[in-house]
Amino acid sequence: MSNQHKNPTISFRITEAERKQIEAKILASGMMKKDYFVRSCIYNRICVVGKKETIYPLVETIYNLYQQLLVMQTAFIDSTAAELPTTEEISALQSDYKNMLKAIIDMLDGAKYLWEGGGSHE
């Protein structure tokens, strides 16, 4: 079977920050990574209409980020806390929030045609 070839692979290197942004957008899209990359490359814009299967992972991710924020808040408020969050931990949480919110905003921006122009929803 040496004459049979798989489809070619496309790969590229990205920074850790870029990886986190891409993964947040993939989660927000509700698509498989492969489908997200293909559509992103071909059409340059991803539009996803929210549905239960798309929204629940977003809610879960935001909830987990919120729980991390509450833990940090408690550490700052509790004067008996042994360890305060490090600058790196705070920066990482801030970055995760920013990436997820940007992904959600981009998803909503791509779907704004549903409520803008041409509709008689007023």
PDB file of N, CA and C in Angstrom:
ATOM      1  N   MET A   1       0.818  -1.195   0.000  1.00  0.00           N
ATOM      2  CA  MET A   1       0.000   0.000   0.000  1.00  0.00           C
ATOM      3  C   MET A   1       0.861   1.258   0.000  1.00  0.00           C
ATOM      4  N   SER A   2       2.078   1.155  -0.418  1.00  0.00           N
ATOM      5  CA  SER A   2       2.957   2.310  -0.433  1.00  0.00           C
ATOM      6  C   SER A   2       2.565   3.323  -1.508  1.00  0.00           C
ATOM      7  N   ASN A   3       1.716   2.935  -2.451  1.00  0.00           N
ATOM      8  CA  ASN A   3       1.288   3.859  -3.491  1.00  0.00           C
ATOM      9  C   ASN A   3       0.089   4.706  -3.069  1.00  0.00           C
ATOM     10  N   GLN A   4      -0.488   4.387  -1.912  1.00  0.00           N
ATOM     11  CA  GLN A   4      -1.631   5.150  -1.427  1.00  0.00           C
ATOM     12  C   GLN A   4      -1.137   6.265  -0.515  1.00  0.00           C
ATOM     13  N   HIS A   5      -1.628   7.469  -0.755  1.00  0.00           N
ATOM     14  CA  HIS A   5      -1.211   8.624   0.031  1.00  0.00           C
ATOM     15  C   HIS A   5      -2.411   9.252   0.714  1.00  0.00           C
ATOM     16  N   LYS A   6      -2.166   9.735   1.890  1.00  0.00           N
ATOM     17  CA  LYS A   6      -3.201  10.490   2.585  1.00  0.00           C
ATOM     18  C   LYS A   6      -3.235  11.901   2.013  1.00  0.00           C
ATOM     19  N   ASN A   7      -4.285  12.611   2.331  1.00  0.00           N
ATOM     20  CA  ASN A   7      -4.360  14.008   1.914  1.00  0.00           C
ATOM     21  C   ASN A   7      -3.207  14.779   2.546  1.00  0.00           C
ATOM     22  N   PRO A   8      -2.725  15.823   1.877  1.00  0.00           N
ATOM     23  CA  PRO A   8      -1.616  16.591   2.431  1.00  0.00           C
ATOM     24  C   PRO A   8      -1.997  17.287   3.739  1.00  0.00           C
ATOM     25  N   THR A   9      -0.986  17.537   4.544  1.00  0.00           N
ATOM     26  CA  THR A   9      -1.171  18.198   5.832  1.00  0.00           C
ATOM     27  C   THR A   9      -0.646  19.618   5.748  1.00  0.00           C
ATOM     28  N   ILE A  10      -1.367  20.535   6.351  1.00  0.00           N
ATOM     29  CA  ILE A  10      -0.916  21.913   6.462  1.00  0.00           C
ATOM     30  C   ILE A  10      -0.611  22.145   7.936  1.00  0.00           C
ATOM     31  N   SER A  11       0.567  22.675   8.214  1.00  0.00           N
ATOM     32  CA  SER A  11       0.903  22.968   9.611  1.00  0.00           C
ATOM     33  C   SER A  11       1.642  24.296   9.686  1.00  0.00           C
ATOM     34  N   PHE A  12       1.609  24.884  10.850  1.00  0.00           N
ATOM     35  CA  PHE A  12       2.291  26.151  11.068  1.00  0.00           C
ATOM     36  C   PHE A  12       2.566  26.298  12.557  1.00  0.00           C
ATOM     37  N   ARG A  13       3.508  27.143  12.883  1.00  0.00           N
ATOM     38  CA  ARG A  13       3.870  27.388  14.280  1.00  0.00           C
ATOM     39  C   ARG A  13       3.206  28.678  14.747  1.00  0.00           C
ATOM     40  N   ILE A  14       2.754  28.640  15.981  1.00  0.00           N
ATOM     41  CA  ILE A  14       2.105  29.810  16.571  1.00  0.00           C
ATOM     42  C   ILE A  14       2.614  29.995  17.993  1.00  0.00           C
ATOM     43  N   THR A  15       2.411  31.171  18.520  1.00  0.00           N
ATOM     44  CA  THR A  15       2.783  31.430  19.912  1.00  0.00           C
ATOM     45  C   THR A  15       1.726  30.827  20.833  1.00  0.00           C
ATOM     46  N   GLU A  16       2.050  30.746  22.088  1.00  0.00           N
ATOM     47  CA  GLU A  16       1.093  30.226  23.074  1.00  0.00           C
ATOM     48  C   GLU A  16      -0.141  31.126  23.141  1.00  0.00           C
ATOM     49  N   ALA A  17       0.062  32.435  23.070  1.00  0.00           N
ATOM     50  CA  ALA A  17      -1.070  33.374  23.108  1.00  0.00           C
ATOM     51  C   ALA A  17      -1.970  33.184  21.889  1.00  0.00           C
ATOM     52  N   GLU A  18      -1.369  33.007  20.712  1.00  0.00           N
ATOM     53  CA  GLU A  18      -2.155  32.769  19.506  1.00  0.00           C
ATOM     54  C   GLU A  18      -2.925  31.455  19.604  1.00  0.00           C
ATOM     55  N   ARG A  19      -2.287  30.429  20.166  1.00  0.00           N
ATOM     56  CA  ARG A  19      -2.947  29.139  20.331  1.00  0.00           C
ATOM     57  C   ARG A  19      -4.184  29.280  21.210  1.00  0.00           C
ATOM     58  N   LYS A  20      -4.039  30.015  22.310  1.00  0.00           N
ATOM     59  CA  LYS A  20      -5.179  30.207  23.218  1.00  0.00           C
ATOM     60  C   LYS A  20      -6.303  30.976  22.542  1.00  0.00           C
ATOM     61  N   GLN A  21      -5.966  31.982  21.740  1.00  0.00           N
ATOM     62  CA  GLN A  21      -6.991  32.738  21.017  1.00  0.00           C
ATOM     63  C   GLN A  21      -7.716  31.845  20.015  1.00  0.00           C
ATOM     64  N   ILE A  22      -6.957  31.047  19.292  1.00  0.00           N
ATOM     65  CA  ILE A  22      -7.552  30.146  18.299  1.00  0.00           C
ATOM     66  C   ILE A  22      -8.444  29.120  18.977  1.00  0.00           C
ATOM     67  N   GLU A  23      -7.979  28.534  20.070  1.00  0.00           N
ATOM     68  CA  GLU A  23      -8.789  27.528  20.768  1.00  0.00           C
ATOM     69  C   GLU A  23     -10.061  28.131  21.335  1.00  0.00           C
ATOM     70  N   ALA A  24      -9.997  29.375  21.809  1.00  0.00           N
ATOM     71  CA  ALA A  24     -11.208  30.041  22.305  1.00  0.00           C
ATOM     72  C   ALA A  24     -12.205  30.229  21.163  1.00  0.00           C
ATOM     73  N   LYS A  25     -11.711  30.616  19.988  1.00  0.00           N
ATOM     74  CA  LYS A  25     -12.605  30.795  18.841  1.00  0.00           C
ATOM     75  C   LYS A  25     -13.196  29.469  18.378  1.00  0.00           C
ATOM     76  N   ILE A  26     -12.391  28.419  18.432  1.00  0.00           N
ATOM     77  CA  ILE A  26     -12.901  27.099  18.045  1.00  0.00           C
ATOM     78  C   ILE A  26     -13.991  26.663  19.012  1.00  0.00           C
ATOM     79  N   LEU A  27     -13.760  26.859  20.316  1.00  0.00           N
ATOM     80  CA  LEU A  27     -14.776  26.511  21.311  1.00  0.00           C
ATOM     81  C   LEU A  27     -16.045  27.316  21.074  1.00  0.00           C
ATOM     82  N   ALA A  28     -15.890  28.614  20.808  1.00  0.00           N
ATOM     83  CA  ALA A  28     -17.059  29.464  20.577  1.00  0.00           C
ATOM     84  C   ALA A  28     -17.821  29.045  19.331  1.00  0.00           C
ATOM     85  N   SER A  29     -17.101  28.501  18.340  1.00  0.00           N
ATOM     86  CA  SER A  29     -17.761  28.098  17.100  1.00  0.00           C
ATOM     87  C   SER A  29     -18.562  26.815  17.258  1.00  0.00           C
ATOM     88  N   GLY A  30     -18.148  25.960  18.193  1.00  0.00           N
ATOM     89  CA  GLY A  30     -18.807  24.668  18.359  1.00  0.00           C
ATOM     90  C   GLY A  30     -18.415  23.662  17.288  1.00  0.00           C
ATOM     91  N   MET A  31     -17.426  24.010  16.480  1.00  0.00           N
ATOM     92  CA  MET A  31     -16.987  23.128  15.392  1.00  0.00           C
ATOM     93  C   MET A  31     -15.820  22.259  15.835  1.00  0.00           C
ATOM     94  N   MET A  32     -15.558  21.244  15.037  1.00  0.00           N
ATOM     95  CA  MET A  32     -14.333  20.484  15.222  1.00  0.00           C
ATOM     96  C   MET A  32     -13.186  21.352  14.722  1.00  0.00           C
ATOM     97  N   LYS A  33     -11.980  21.146  15.290  1.00  0.00           N
ATOM     98  CA  LYS A  33     -10.830  21.962  14.901  1.00  0.00           C
ATOM     99  C   LYS A  33     -10.600  21.936  13.400  1.00  0.00           C
ATOM    100  N   LYS A  34     -10.637  20.764  12.811  1.00  0.00           N
ATOM    101  CA  LYS A  34     -10.378  20.618  11.378  1.00  0.00           C
ATOM    102  C   LYS A  34     -11.349  21.479  10.579  1.00  0.00           C
ATOM    103  N   ASP A  35     -12.638  21.393  10.899  1.00  0.00           N
ATOM    104  CA  ASP A  35     -13.644  22.157  10.171  1.00  0.00           C
ATOM    105  C   ASP A  35     -13.442  23.659  10.353  1.00  0.00           C
ATOM    106  N   TYR A  36     -13.105  24.054  11.580  1.00  0.00           N
ATOM    107  CA  TYR A  36     -12.875  25.472  11.844  1.00  0.00           C
ATOM    108  C   TYR A  36     -11.715  25.988  10.996  1.00  0.00           C
ATOM    109  N   PHE A  37     -10.598  25.256  10.988  1.00  0.00           N
ATOM    110  CA  PHE A  37      -9.428  25.697  10.233  1.00  0.00           C
ATOM    111  C   PHE A  37      -9.724  25.760   8.733  1.00  0.00           C
ATOM    112  N   VAL A  38     -10.386  24.750   8.219  1.00  0.00           N
ATOM    113  CA  VAL A  38     -10.680  24.730   6.789  1.00  0.00           C
ATOM    114  C   VAL A  38     -11.578  25.902   6.419  1.00  0.00           C
ATOM    115  N   ARG A  39     -12.654  26.102   7.136  1.00  0.00           N
ATOM    116  CA  ARG A  39     -13.573  27.203   6.822  1.00  0.00           C
ATOM    117  C   ARG A  39     -12.901  28.558   7.011  1.00  0.00           C
ATOM    118  N   SER A  40     -12.107  28.665   8.063  1.00  0.00           N
ATOM    119  CA  SER A  40     -11.400  29.910   8.324  1.00  0.00           C
ATOM    120  C   SER A  40     -10.452  30.250   7.179  1.00  0.00           C
ATOM    121  N   CYS A  41      -9.730  29.266   6.704  1.00  0.00           N
ATOM    122  CA  CYS A  41      -8.773  29.498   5.616  1.00  0.00           C
ATOM    123  C   CYS A  41      -9.471  29.776   4.291  1.00  0.00           C
ATOM    124  N   ILE A  42     -10.524  29.073   4.013  1.00  0.00           N
ATOM    125  CA  ILE A  42     -11.198  29.227   2.721  1.00  0.00           C
ATOM    126  C   ILE A  42     -12.064  30.482   2.678  1.00  0.00           C
ATOM    127  N   TYR A  43     -12.834  30.718   3.725  1.00  0.00           N
ATOM    128  CA  TYR A  43     -13.809  31.810   3.692  1.00  0.00           C
ATOM    129  C   TYR A  43     -13.370  33.045   4.466  1.00  0.00           C
ATOM    130  N   ASN A  44     -12.311  32.954   5.223  1.00  0.00           N
ATOM    131  CA  ASN A  44     -11.762  34.071   5.996  1.00  0.00           C
ATOM    132  C   ASN A  44     -12.683  34.603   7.083  1.00  0.00           C
ATOM    133  N   ARG A  45     -13.832  34.042   7.252  1.00  0.00           N
ATOM    134  CA  ARG A  45     -14.730  34.474   8.315  1.00  0.00           C
ATOM    135  C   ARG A  45     -15.624  33.303   8.686  1.00  0.00           C
ATOM    136  N   ILE A  46     -15.782  33.098   9.966  1.00  0.00           N
ATOM    137  CA  ILE A  46     -16.621  32.013  10.459  1.00  0.00           C
ATOM    138  C   ILE A  46     -17.889  32.624  11.041  1.00  0.00           C
ATOM    139  N   CYS A  47     -19.013  32.138  10.625  1.00  0.00           N
ATOM    140  CA  CYS A  47     -20.293  32.574  11.184  1.00  0.00           C
ATOM    141  C   CYS A  47     -20.989  31.356  11.769  1.00  0.00           C
ATOM    142  N   VAL A  48     -21.261  31.422  13.041  1.00  0.00           N
ATOM    143  CA  VAL A  48     -21.907  30.312  13.717  1.00  0.00           C
ATOM    144  C   VAL A  48     -23.153  30.849  14.402  1.00  0.00           C
ATOM    145  N   VAL A  49     -24.268  30.214  14.152  1.00  0.00           N
ATOM    146  CA  VAL A  49     -25.498  30.581  14.834  1.00  0.00           C
ATOM    147  C   VAL A  49     -25.585  29.744  16.094  1.00  0.00           C
ATOM    148  N   GLY A  50     -25.780  30.413  17.208  1.00  0.00           N
ATOM    149  CA  GLY A  50     -25.816  29.720  18.488  1.00  0.00           C
ATOM    150  C   GLY A  50     -26.901  28.663  18.556  1.00  0.00           C
ATOM    151  N   LYS A  51     -26.542  27.555  19.142  1.00  0.00           N
ATOM    152  CA  LYS A  51     -27.490  26.487  19.420  1.00  0.00           C
ATOM    153  C   LYS A  51     -27.046  25.850  20.722  1.00  0.00           C
ATOM    154  N   LYS A  52     -27.863  25.011  21.272  1.00  0.00           N
ATOM    155  CA  LYS A  52     -27.576  24.430  22.574  1.00  0.00           C
ATOM    156  C   LYS A  52     -26.183  23.797  22.624  1.00  0.00           C
ATOM    157  N   GLU A  53     -25.819  23.066  21.605  1.00  0.00           N
ATOM    158  CA  GLU A  53     -24.528  22.373  21.591  1.00  0.00           C
ATOM    159  C   GLU A  53     -23.357  23.343  21.525  1.00  0.00           C
ATOM    160  N   THR A  54     -23.581  24.545  21.015  1.00  0.00           N
ATOM    161  CA  THR A  54     -22.539  25.563  20.931  1.00  0.00           C
ATOM    162  C   THR A  54     -22.479  26.387  22.210  1.00  0.00           C
ATOM    163  N   ILE A  55     -23.632  26.716  22.739  1.00  0.00           N
ATOM    164  CA  ILE A  55     -23.707  27.629  23.880  1.00  0.00           C
ATOM    165  C   ILE A  55     -23.279  26.971  25.183  1.00  0.00           C
ATOM    166  N   TYR A  56     -23.645  25.716  25.445  1.00  0.00           N
ATOM    167  CA  TYR A  56     -23.306  25.073  26.709  1.00  0.00           C
ATOM    168  C   TYR A  56     -21.805  25.033  26.994  1.00  0.00           C
ATOM    169  N   PRO A  57     -20.947  24.677  26.020  1.00  0.00           N
ATOM    170  CA  PRO A  57     -19.506  24.717  26.310  1.00  0.00           C
ATOM    171  C   PRO A  57     -19.008  26.127  26.627  1.00  0.00           C
ATOM    172  N   LEU A  58     -19.608  27.137  25.993  1.00  0.00           N
ATOM    173  CA  LEU A  58     -19.220  28.515  26.295  1.00  0.00           C
ATOM    174  C   LEU A  58     -19.603  28.886  27.724  1.00  0.00           C
ATOM    175  N   VAL A  59     -20.819  28.546  28.099  1.00  0.00           N
ATOM    176  CA  VAL A  59     -21.282  28.838  29.459  1.00  0.00           C
ATOM    177  C   VAL A  59     -20.397  28.125  30.474  1.00  0.00           C
ATOM    178  N   GLU A  60     -20.056  26.874  30.192  1.00  0.00           N
ATOM    179  CA  GLU A  60     -19.202  26.107  31.097  1.00  0.00           C
ATOM    180  C   GLU A  60     -17.806  26.734  31.215  1.00  0.00           C
ATOM    181  N   THR A  61     -17.252  27.165  30.104  1.00  0.00           N
ATOM    182  CA  THR A  61     -15.934  27.789  30.120  1.00  0.00           C
ATOM    183  C   THR A  61     -15.962  29.102  30.890  1.00  0.00           C
ATOM    184  N   ILE A  62     -16.957  29.926  30.630  1.00  0.00           N
ATOM    185  CA  ILE A  62     -17.079  31.195  31.355  1.00  0.00           C
ATOM    186  C   ILE A  62     -17.290  30.931  32.844  1.00  0.00           C
ATOM    187  N   TYR A  63     -18.078  29.929  33.171  1.00  0.00           N
ATOM    188  CA  TYR A  63     -18.303  29.581  34.581  1.00  0.00           C
ATOM    189  C   TYR A  63     -16.983  29.167  35.245  1.00  0.00           C
ATOM    190  N   ASN A  64     -16.181  28.343  34.564  1.00  0.00           N
ATOM    191  CA  ASN A  64     -14.892  27.924  35.131  1.00  0.00           C
ATOM    192  C   ASN A  64     -13.949  29.110  35.319  1.00  0.00           C
ATOM    193  N   LEU A  65     -13.936  30.024  34.362  1.00  0.00           N
ATOM    194  CA  LEU A  65     -13.123  31.226  34.507  1.00  0.00           C
ATOM    195  C   LEU A  65     -13.606  32.059  35.694  1.00  0.00           C
ATOM    196  N   TYR A  66     -14.914  32.161  35.833  1.00  0.00           N
ATOM    197  CA  TYR A  66     -15.502  32.906  36.954  1.00  0.00           C
ATOM    198  C   TYR A  66     -15.123  32.263  38.288  1.00  0.00           C
ATOM    199  N   GLN A  67     -15.148  30.944  38.357  1.00  0.00           N
ATOM    200  CA  GLN A  67     -14.756  30.259  39.592  1.00  0.00           C
ATOM    201  C   GLN A  67     -13.297  30.558  39.948  1.00  0.00           C
ATOM    202  N   GLN A  68     -12.431  30.591  38.942  1.00  0.00           N
ATOM    203  CA  GLN A  68     -11.028  30.940  39.189  1.00  0.00           C
ATOM    204  C   GLN A  68     -10.916  32.364  39.714  1.00  0.00           C
ATOM    205  N   LEU A  69     -11.717  33.253  39.164  1.00  0.00           N
ATOM    206  CA  LEU A  69     -11.711  34.641  39.611  1.00  0.00           C
ATOM    207  C   LEU A  69     -12.176  34.742  41.061  1.00  0.00           C
ATOM    208  N   LEU A  70     -13.201  33.973  41.424  1.00  0.00           N
ATOM    209  CA  LEU A  70     -13.689  33.977  42.803  1.00  0.00           C
ATOM    210  C   LEU A  70     -12.629  33.469  43.785  1.00  0.00           C
ATOM    211  N   VAL A  71     -11.887  32.438  43.383  1.00  0.00           N
ATOM    212  CA  VAL A  71     -10.823  31.910  44.228  1.00  0.00           C
ATOM    213  C   VAL A  71      -9.770  32.986  44.462  1.00  0.00           C
ATOM    214  N   MET A  72      -9.413  33.691  43.409  1.00  0.00           N
ATOM    215  CA  MET A  72      -8.434  34.779  43.547  1.00  0.00           C
ATOM    216  C   MET A  72      -8.968  35.893  44.431  1.00  0.00           C
ATOM    217  N   GLN A  73     -10.236  36.237  44.237  1.00  0.00           N
ATOM    218  CA  GLN A  73     -10.842  37.289  45.049  1.00  0.00           C
ATOM    219  C   GLN A  73     -10.814  36.909  46.527  1.00  0.00           C
ATOM    220  N   THR A  74     -11.163  35.673  46.818  1.00  0.00           N
ATOM    221  CA  THR A  74     -11.161  35.200  48.199  1.00  0.00           C
ATOM    222  C   THR A  74      -9.763  35.291  48.798  1.00  0.00           C
ATOM    223  N   ALA A  75      -8.762  34.943  48.012  1.00  0.00           N
ATOM    224  CA  ALA A  75      -7.382  35.016  48.504  1.00  0.00           C
ATOM    225  C   ALA A  75      -7.003  36.446  48.854  1.00  0.00           C
ATOM    226  N   PHE A  76      -7.463  37.416  48.083  1.00  0.00           N
ATOM    227  CA  PHE A  76      -7.137  38.815  48.373  1.00  0.00           C
ATOM    228  C   PHE A  76      -7.924  39.349  49.564  1.00  0.00           C
ATOM    229  N   ILE A  77      -9.159  38.900  49.726  1.00  0.00           N
ATOM    230  CA  ILE A  77     -10.010  39.393  50.803  1.00  0.00           C
ATOM    231  C   ILE A  77      -9.648  38.748  52.135  1.00  0.00           C
ATOM    232  N   ASP A  78      -9.359  37.454  52.112  1.00  0.00           N
ATOM    233  CA  ASP A  78      -9.068  36.694  53.325  1.00  0.00           C
ATOM    234  C   ASP A  78      -7.661  37.041  53.822  1.00  0.00           C
ATOM    235  N   SER A  79      -7.607  37.727  54.929  1.00  0.00           N
ATOM    236  CA  SER A  79      -6.307  38.163  55.449  1.00  0.00           C
ATOM    237  C   SER A  79      -5.477  36.997  55.974  1.00  0.00           C
ATOM    238  N   THR A  80      -6.082  35.833  56.136  1.00  0.00           N
ATOM    239  CA  THR A  80      -5.325  34.673  56.621  1.00  0.00           C
ATOM    240  C   THR A  80      -4.856  33.779  55.475  1.00  0.00           C
ATOM    241  N   ALA A  81      -5.112  34.198  54.246  1.00  0.00           N
ATOM    242  CA  ALA A  81      -4.716  33.384  53.097  1.00  0.00           C
ATOM    243  C   ALA A  81      -3.199  33.220  53.085  1.00  0.00           C
ATOM    244  N   ALA A  82      -2.772  31.993  52.900  1.00  0.00           N
ATOM    245  CA  ALA A  82      -1.341  31.691  52.912  1.00  0.00           C
ATOM    246  C   ALA A  82      -0.652  32.252  51.676  1.00  0.00           C
ATOM    247  N   GLU A  83      -1.299  32.117  50.526  1.00  0.00           N
ATOM    248  CA  GLU A  83      -0.667  32.562  49.281  1.00  0.00           C
ATOM    249  C   GLU A  83      -1.636  33.388  48.452  1.00  0.00           C
ATOM    250  N   LEU A  84      -1.136  34.503  47.980  1.00  0.00           N
ATOM    251  CA  LEU A  84      -1.907  35.310  47.037  1.00  0.00           C
ATOM    252  C   LEU A  84      -1.603  34.828  45.626  1.00  0.00           C
ATOM    253  N   PRO A  85      -2.522  35.039  44.703  1.00  0.00           N
ATOM    254  CA  PRO A  85      -2.243  34.655  43.316  1.00  0.00           C
ATOM    255  C   PRO A  85      -1.023  35.418  42.802  1.00  0.00           C
ATOM    256  N   THR A  86      -0.234  34.740  41.984  1.00  0.00           N
ATOM    257  CA  THR A  86       0.947  35.382  41.420  1.00  0.00           C
ATOM    258  C   THR A  86       0.542  36.285  40.266  1.00  0.00           C
ATOM    259  N   THR A  87       1.437  37.155  39.890  1.00  0.00           N
ATOM    260  CA  THR A  87       1.208  38.026  38.737  1.00  0.00           C
ATOM    261  C   THR A  87       0.954  37.191  37.493  1.00  0.00           C
ATOM    262  N   GLU A  88       1.697  36.082  37.359  1.00  0.00           N
ATOM    263  CA  GLU A  88       1.519  35.215  36.201  1.00  0.00           C
ATOM    264  C   GLU A  88       0.133  34.580  36.184  1.00  0.00           C
ATOM    265  N   GLU A  89      -0.355  34.149  37.352  1.00  0.00           N
ATOM    266  CA  GLU A  89      -1.688  33.546  37.430  1.00  0.00           C
ATOM    267  C   GLU A  89      -2.772  34.563  37.083  1.00  0.00           C
ATOM    268  N   ILE A  90      -2.601  35.775  37.566  1.00  0.00           N
ATOM    269  CA  ILE A  90      -3.570  36.833  37.274  1.00  0.00           C
ATOM    270  C   ILE A  90      -3.539  37.165  35.784  1.00  0.00           C
ATOM    271  N   SER A  91      -2.352  37.278  35.225  1.00  0.00           N
ATOM    272  CA  SER A  91      -2.220  37.579  33.796  1.00  0.00           C
ATOM    273  C   SER A  91      -2.809  36.472  32.935  1.00  0.00           C
ATOM    274  N   ALA A  92      -2.587  35.219  33.337  1.00  0.00           N
ATOM    275  CA  ALA A  92      -3.126  34.087  32.575  1.00  0.00           C
ATOM    276  C   ALA A  92      -4.652  34.104  32.589  1.00  0.00           C
ATOM    277  N   LEU A  93      -5.243  34.368  33.745  1.00  0.00           N
ATOM    278  CA  LEU A  93      -6.703  34.422  33.841  1.00  0.00           C
ATOM    279  C   LEU A  93      -7.245  35.591  33.017  1.00  0.00           C
ATOM    280  N   GLN A  94      -6.565  36.723  33.091  1.00  0.00           N
ATOM    281  CA  GLN A  94      -6.972  37.885  32.307  1.00  0.00           C
ATOM    282  C   GLN A  94      -6.925  37.563  30.811  1.00  0.00           C
ATOM    283  N   SER A  95      -5.868  36.900  30.387  1.00  0.00           N
ATOM    284  CA  SER A  95      -5.718  36.525  28.984  1.00  0.00           C
ATOM    285  C   SER A  95      -6.805  35.538  28.560  1.00  0.00           C
ATOM    286  N   ASP A  96      -7.098  34.548  29.414  1.00  0.00           N
ATOM    287  CA  ASP A  96      -8.147  33.571  29.104  1.00  0.00           C
ATOM    288  C   ASP A  96      -9.509  34.252  28.951  1.00  0.00           C
ATOM    289  N   TYR A  97      -9.822  35.186  29.876  1.00  0.00           N
ATOM    290  CA  TYR A  97     -11.072  35.935  29.788  1.00  0.00           C
ATOM    291  C   TYR A  97     -11.127  36.732  28.489  1.00  0.00           C
ATOM    292  N   LYS A  98     -10.046  37.446  28.190  1.00  0.00           N
ATOM    293  CA  LYS A  98      -9.999  38.285  26.994  1.00  0.00           C
ATOM    294  C   LYS A  98     -10.180  37.451  25.730  1.00  0.00           C
ATOM    295  N   ASN A  99      -9.499  36.316  25.660  1.00  0.00           N
ATOM    296  CA  ASN A  99      -9.618  35.456  24.476  1.00  0.00           C
ATOM    297  C   ASN A  99     -11.033  34.924  24.309  1.00  0.00           C
ATOM    298  N   MET A 100     -11.631  34.468  25.407  1.00  0.00           N
ATOM    299  CA  MET A 100     -12.971  33.900  25.319  1.00  0.00           C
ATOM    300  C   MET A 100     -13.992  34.980  24.959  1.00  0.00           C
ATOM    301  N   LEU A 101     -13.893  36.145  25.583  1.00  0.00           N
ATOM    302  CA  LEU A 101     -14.847  37.212  25.277  1.00  0.00           C
ATOM    303  C   LEU A 101     -14.697  37.694  23.833  1.00  0.00           C
ATOM    304  N   LYS A 102     -13.474  37.788  23.343  1.00  0.00           N
ATOM    305  CA  LYS A 102     -13.256  38.183  21.948  1.00  0.00           C
ATOM    306  C   LYS A 102     -13.855  37.141  21.010  1.00  0.00           C
ATOM    307  N   ALA A 103     -13.685  35.867  21.325  1.00  0.00           N
ATOM    308  CA  ALA A 103     -14.252  34.808  20.489  1.00  0.00           C
ATOM    309  C   ALA A 103     -15.774  34.900  20.463  1.00  0.00           C
ATOM    310  N   ILE A 104     -16.385  35.157  21.602  1.00  0.00           N
ATOM    311  CA  ILE A 104     -17.847  35.276  21.673  1.00  0.00           C
ATOM    312  C   ILE A 104     -18.312  36.503  20.897  1.00  0.00           C
ATOM    313  N   ILE A 105     -17.603  37.617  21.057  1.00  0.00           N
ATOM    314  CA  ILE A 105     -17.968  38.842  20.327  1.00  0.00           C
ATOM    315  C   ILE A 105     -17.837  38.619  18.825  1.00  0.00           C
ATOM    316  N   ASP A 106     -16.762  37.974  18.389  1.00  0.00           N
ATOM    317  CA  ASP A 106     -16.585  37.680  16.967  1.00  0.00           C
ATOM    318  C   ASP A 106     -17.706  36.791  16.443  1.00  0.00           C
ATOM    319  N   MET A 107     -18.102  35.801  17.246  1.00  0.00           N
ATOM    320  CA  MET A 107     -19.181  34.910  16.834  1.00  0.00           C
ATOM    321  C   MET A 107     -20.484  35.697  16.689  1.00  0.00           C
ATOM    322  N   LEU A 108     -20.777  36.561  17.661  1.00  0.00           N
ATOM    323  CA  LEU A 108     -21.995  37.364  17.584  1.00  0.00           C
ATOM    324  C   LEU A 108     -21.935  38.356  16.431  1.00  0.00           C
ATOM    325  N   ASP A 109     -20.759  38.918  16.184  1.00  0.00           N
ATOM    326  CA  ASP A 109     -20.594  39.842  15.070  1.00  0.00           C
ATOM    327  C   ASP A 109     -20.871  39.134  13.746  1.00  0.00           C
ATOM    328  N   GLY A 110     -20.417  37.902  13.627  1.00  0.00           N
ATOM    329  CA  GLY A 110     -20.652  37.142  12.407  1.00  0.00           C
ATOM    330  C   GLY A 110     -22.112  36.786  12.205  1.00  0.00           C
ATOM    331  N   ALA A 111     -22.877  36.761  13.279  1.00  0.00           N
ATOM    332  CA  ALA A 111     -24.290  36.395  13.189  1.00  0.00           C
ATOM    333  C   ALA A 111     -25.219  37.607  13.257  1.00  0.00           C
ATOM    334  N   LYS A 112     -24.648  38.806  13.255  1.00  0.00           N
ATOM    335  CA  LYS A 112     -25.492  39.990  13.421  1.00  0.00           C
ATOM    336  C   LYS A 112     -26.477  40.194  12.276  1.00  0.00           C
ATOM    337  N   TYR A 113     -26.206  39.549  11.147  1.00  0.00           N
ATOM    338  CA  TYR A 113     -27.152  39.644  10.033  1.00  0.00           C
ATOM    339  C   TYR A 113     -28.530  39.133  10.453  1.00  0.00           C
ATOM    340  N   LEU A 114     -28.594  38.331  11.497  1.00  0.00           N
ATOM    341  CA  LEU A 114     -29.869  37.777  11.945  1.00  0.00           C
ATOM    342  C   LEU A 114     -30.791  38.854  12.529  1.00  0.00           C
ATOM    343  N   TRP A 115     -30.207  39.909  13.091  1.00  0.00           N
ATOM    344  CA  TRP A 115     -31.050  40.929  13.704  1.00  0.00           C
ATOM    345  C   TRP A 115     -30.852  42.316  13.104  1.00  0.00           C
ATOM    346  N   GLU A 116     -29.933  42.471  12.151  1.00  0.00           N
ATOM    347  CA  GLU A 116     -29.709  43.767  11.528  1.00  0.00           C
ATOM    348  C   GLU A 116     -30.228  43.774  10.099  1.00  0.00           C
ATOM    349  N   GLY A 117     -30.768  44.873   9.681  1.00  0.00           N
ATOM    350  CA  GLY A 117     -31.139  45.095   8.285  1.00  0.00           C
ATOM    351  C   GLY A 117     -31.987  44.012   7.663  1.00  0.00           C
ATOM    352  N   GLY A 118     -33.000  44.402   6.998  1.00  0.00           N
ATOM    353  CA  GLY A 118     -33.823  43.468   6.241  1.00  0.00           C
ATOM    354  C   GLY A 118     -34.889  42.779   7.073  1.00  0.00           C
ATOM    355  N   GLY A 119     -34.753  42.821   8.380  1.00  0.00           N
ATOM    356  CA  GLY A 119     -35.745  42.158   9.214  1.00  0.00           C
ATOM    357  C   GLY A 119     -36.781  43.143   9.713  1.00  0.00           C
ATOM    358  N   SER A 120     -37.946  42.666  10.027  1.00  0.00           N
ATOM    359  CA  SER A 120     -38.996  43.540  10.571  1.00  0.00           C
ATOM    360  C   SER A 120     -39.260  43.137  12.018  1.00  0.00           C
ATOM    361  N   HIS A 121     -38.215  43.262  12.850  1.00  0.00           N
ATOM    362  CA  HIS A 121     -38.314  42.843  14.256  1.00  0.00           C
ATOM    363  C   HIS A 121     -38.696  43.994  15.167  1.00  0.00           C
ATOM    364  N   GLU A 122     -38.901  45.166  14.639  1.00  0.00           N
ATOM    365  CA  GLU A 122     -39.070  46.353  15.479  1.00  0.00           C
ATOM    366  C   GLU A 122     -40.403  46.437  16.039  1.00  0.00           C
TER     367      GLU A 122
END
